[in-house]
């Protein structure tokens, strides 16, 4: 997956926050200070690679990275904002969730809205359980479903999270790989 595509998407997210002004604009770090960790999952690039994203790769990358950034902020970290204020992090995270979901809803991509809503819900459960593997697996499946579409197996894997969250992480990863292996 492309680190450059992730940087471009994050720059677009930051530009939208800057344009809106206010506290979040003031909390933005300088664009040249944005550093992606070596293990950054490049989820926007992953989703943009799928056949369902054809012709709107940049939009899909932006949306997924905006929502992922919201998730990171809820955990107290960020790639584009100074994350020193817990209350501001929650506000910023919620704002970025809304930004991504609203953009998808505006173009009528309700399947992707549902996928991201599922990711957000599973990640909330993962945070409550302090289960990073579950959150990571939810993001892999969500990005894959946005790019390639869902499947009954993917839906079953998401449903399993309510039962045994530790076993569900492995099922989510398997379902994500299966989605990406299917040619649309």
Protein backbone atom coordinates (compact mmCIF):
# COMPACT_ATOMS: atom_id res chain seq x y z
CA UNK A 1 0.00 0.00 0.00
CA UNK A 2 1.17 3.49 -0.73
CA UNK A 3 2.57 5.71 2.00
CA UNK A 4 2.42 8.57 -0.50
CA UNK A 5 -1.30 8.02 -1.05
CA UNK A 6 -1.76 8.08 2.73
CA UNK A 7 0.15 11.37 3.00
CA UNK A 8 -1.95 12.91 0.22
CA UNK A 9 -5.18 11.79 1.90
CA UNK A 10 -4.04 13.13 5.28
CA UNK A 11 -3.05 16.43 3.68
CA UNK A 12 -6.56 16.69 2.23
CA UNK A 13 -8.11 15.94 5.62
CA UNK A 14 -5.89 18.57 7.23
CA UNK A 15 -6.81 21.08 4.53
CA UNK A 16 -10.51 20.54 5.23
CA UNK A 17 -9.94 21.06 8.96
CA UNK A 18 -7.85 24.15 8.31
CA UNK A 19 -10.49 25.60 5.99
CA UNK A 20 -13.18 25.09 8.66
CA UNK A 21 -11.09 27.02 11.19
CA UNK A 22 -11.54 26.84 14.95
CA UNK A 23 -9.86 24.66 17.56
CA UNK A 24 -9.09 21.79 15.23
CA UNK A 25 -7.44 24.08 12.69
CA UNK A 26 -5.32 25.54 15.49
CA UNK A 27 -4.30 22.03 16.62
CA UNK A 28 -2.99 20.97 13.19
CA UNK A 29 0.70 20.18 13.02
CA UNK A 30 2.79 21.54 10.17
CA UNK A 31 2.33 19.45 7.03
CA UNK A 32 6.06 18.75 6.87
CA UNK A 33 5.90 17.38 10.44
CA UNK A 34 3.45 14.62 9.47
CA UNK A 35 5.36 11.40 9.87
CA UNK A 36 3.82 8.05 9.18
CA UNK A 37 4.98 5.23 11.39
CA UNK A 38 6.71 2.40 9.60
CA UNK A 39 3.78 0.19 10.56
CA UNK A 40 1.06 2.63 9.42
CA UNK A 41 -1.56 0.37 7.83
CA UNK A 42 -2.26 2.70 4.85
CA UNK A 43 -5.92 1.77 5.07
CA UNK A 44 -7.07 4.44 2.66
CA UNK A 45 -4.69 3.14 0.02
CA UNK A 46 -5.89 -0.40 0.68
CA UNK A 47 -9.56 0.55 0.20
CA UNK A 48 -8.71 2.66 -2.86
CA UNK A 49 -7.04 -0.33 -4.52
CA UNK A 50 -10.25 -2.33 -4.71
CA UNK A 51 -12.42 -2.46 -7.83
CA UNK A 52 -15.36 -0.73 -6.10
CA UNK A 53 -13.16 2.35 -5.67
CA UNK A 54 -12.30 2.67 -9.36
CA UNK A 55 -12.58 6.25 -10.51
CA UNK A 56 -12.78 7.63 -6.98
CA UNK A 57 -9.57 6.36 -5.43
CA UNK A 58 -8.58 9.71 -3.90
CA UNK A 59 -12.01 10.21 -2.33
CA UNK A 60 -12.04 6.71 -0.83
CA UNK A 61 -8.49 7.11 0.51
CA UNK A 62 -9.43 10.45 2.09
CA UNK A 63 -12.60 9.09 3.69
CA UNK A 64 -10.95 6.00 5.15
CA UNK A 65 -7.96 7.95 6.44
CA UNK A 66 -10.24 10.60 7.98
CA UNK A 67 -12.22 7.98 9.88
CA UNK A 68 -9.04 6.09 10.86
CA UNK A 69 -7.57 9.38 12.11
CA UNK A 70 -10.73 9.80 14.21
CA UNK A 71 -10.11 6.35 15.68
CA UNK A 72 -6.50 7.27 16.47
CA UNK A 73 -7.59 10.50 18.15
CA UNK A 74 -10.05 8.65 20.37
CA UNK A 75 -7.03 6.65 21.54
CA UNK A 76 -4.94 9.74 22.19
CA UNK A 77 -2.72 9.84 19.12
CA UNK A 78 -2.78 11.51 15.74
CA UNK A 79 -0.82 11.84 12.56
CA UNK A 80 -2.01 15.40 11.76
CA UNK A 81 -3.04 17.04 15.05
CA UNK A 82 -1.32 17.82 18.32
CA UNK A 83 -2.98 15.20 20.50
CA UNK A 84 -2.17 16.71 23.89
CA UNK A 85 -5.73 17.40 25.05
CA UNK A 86 -7.95 14.37 25.76
CA UNK A 87 -11.18 16.34 25.42
CA UNK A 88 -10.10 17.91 22.15
CA UNK A 89 -9.03 14.46 20.90
CA UNK A 90 -12.56 13.13 21.44
CA UNK A 91 -14.08 16.17 19.72
CA UNK A 92 -11.63 15.90 16.82
CA UNK A 93 -12.19 12.15 16.53
CA UNK A 94 -15.94 12.61 16.36
CA UNK A 95 -15.52 15.40 13.79
CA UNK A 96 -13.37 13.16 11.59
CA UNK A 97 -15.80 10.25 11.88
CA UNK A 98 -18.56 12.62 10.74
CA UNK A 99 -16.44 14.06 7.92
CA UNK A 100 -15.79 10.65 6.40
CA UNK A 101 -19.28 9.25 6.84
CA UNK A 102 -20.95 12.42 5.52
CA UNK A 103 -18.79 12.43 2.40
CA UNK A 104 -19.77 8.84 1.61
CA UNK A 105 -23.43 9.47 2.34
CA UNK A 106 -23.41 12.54 0.07
CA UNK A 107 -22.40 10.39 -2.90
CA UNK A 108 -24.85 7.64 -1.94
CA UNK A 109 -22.26 5.04 -0.94
CA UNK A 110 -24.32 3.62 1.89
CA UNK A 111 -22.56 0.26 1.80
CA UNK A 112 -19.28 1.97 2.69
CA UNK A 113 -21.02 4.04 5.37
CA UNK A 114 -22.27 0.79 6.90
CA UNK A 115 -18.82 -0.78 6.72
CA UNK A 116 -17.21 2.17 8.49
CA UNK A 117 -19.99 2.24 11.09
CA UNK A 118 -19.29 -1.46 11.76
CA UNK A 119 -15.57 -0.72 12.09
CA UNK A 120 -16.27 2.10 14.56
CA UNK A 121 -18.53 -0.17 16.64
CA UNK A 122 -16.05 -3.06 16.68
CA UNK A 123 -13.21 -0.68 17.56
CA UNK A 124 -15.23 0.69 20.49
CA UNK A 125 -15.57 -2.87 21.77
CA UNK A 126 -11.87 -3.50 21.13
CA UNK A 127 -10.96 -0.39 23.14
CA UNK A 128 -13.16 -1.56 26.02
CA UNK A 129 -11.34 -4.91 25.93
CA UNK A 130 -7.93 -3.29 25.34
CA UNK A 131 -7.60 -5.55 22.29
CA UNK A 132 -5.44 -3.88 19.64
CA UNK A 133 -5.47 -6.98 17.46
CA UNK A 134 -9.26 -6.87 17.22
CA UNK A 135 -9.23 -3.18 16.27
CA UNK A 136 -6.54 -3.77 13.63
CA UNK A 137 -8.47 -6.71 12.20
CA UNK A 138 -11.68 -4.65 12.08
CA UNK A 139 -9.87 -1.96 10.09
CA UNK A 140 -8.41 -4.50 7.67
CA UNK A 141 -11.84 -5.99 7.03
CA UNK A 142 -13.53 -2.59 6.76
CA UNK A 143 -11.01 -1.23 4.25
CA UNK A 144 -11.21 -4.46 2.25
CA UNK A 145 -15.03 -4.43 2.22
CA UNK A 146 -15.06 -0.81 1.02
CA UNK A 147 -12.73 -1.67 -1.85
CA UNK A 148 -13.99 -5.12 -2.78
CA UNK A 149 -17.48 -5.42 -1.26
CA UNK A 150 -18.61 -7.54 1.63
CA UNK A 151 -19.53 -11.21 1.73
CA UNK A 152 -21.61 -13.47 3.93
CA UNK A 153 -18.36 -14.70 5.51
CA UNK A 154 -17.29 -11.14 6.30
CA UNK A 155 -20.66 -10.38 7.89
CA UNK A 156 -20.44 -13.60 9.89
CA UNK A 157 -16.95 -12.65 11.10
CA UNK A 158 -18.26 -9.25 12.27
CA UNK A 159 -21.18 -10.91 14.06
CA UNK A 160 -18.74 -13.22 15.87
CA UNK A 161 -17.13 -10.25 17.62
CA UNK A 162 -20.05 -10.12 20.06
CA UNK A 163 -19.34 -13.71 21.11
CA UNK A 164 -15.59 -14.29 21.40
CA UNK A 165 -13.67 -11.15 20.54
CA UNK A 166 -10.25 -12.81 20.70
CA UNK A 167 -11.21 -15.49 18.18
CA UNK A 168 -13.06 -12.92 16.09
CA UNK A 169 -9.87 -10.99 15.26
CA UNK A 170 -8.48 -13.96 13.35
CA UNK A 171 -11.81 -14.47 11.57
CA UNK A 172 -11.90 -10.79 10.53
CA UNK A 173 -8.38 -11.04 9.04
CA UNK A 174 -9.27 -14.21 7.13
CA UNK A 175 -12.47 -12.60 5.81
CA UNK A 176 -10.52 -9.50 4.71
CA UNK A 177 -8.02 -11.61 2.79
CA UNK A 178 -10.82 -13.56 1.15
CA UNK A 179 -12.49 -10.34 -0.02
CA UNK A 180 -9.27 -9.08 -1.59
CA UNK A 181 -8.68 -12.42 -3.31
CA UNK A 182 -11.99 -12.21 -5.19
CA UNK A 183 -11.97 -10.41 -8.55
CA UNK A 184 -15.01 -8.18 -8.97
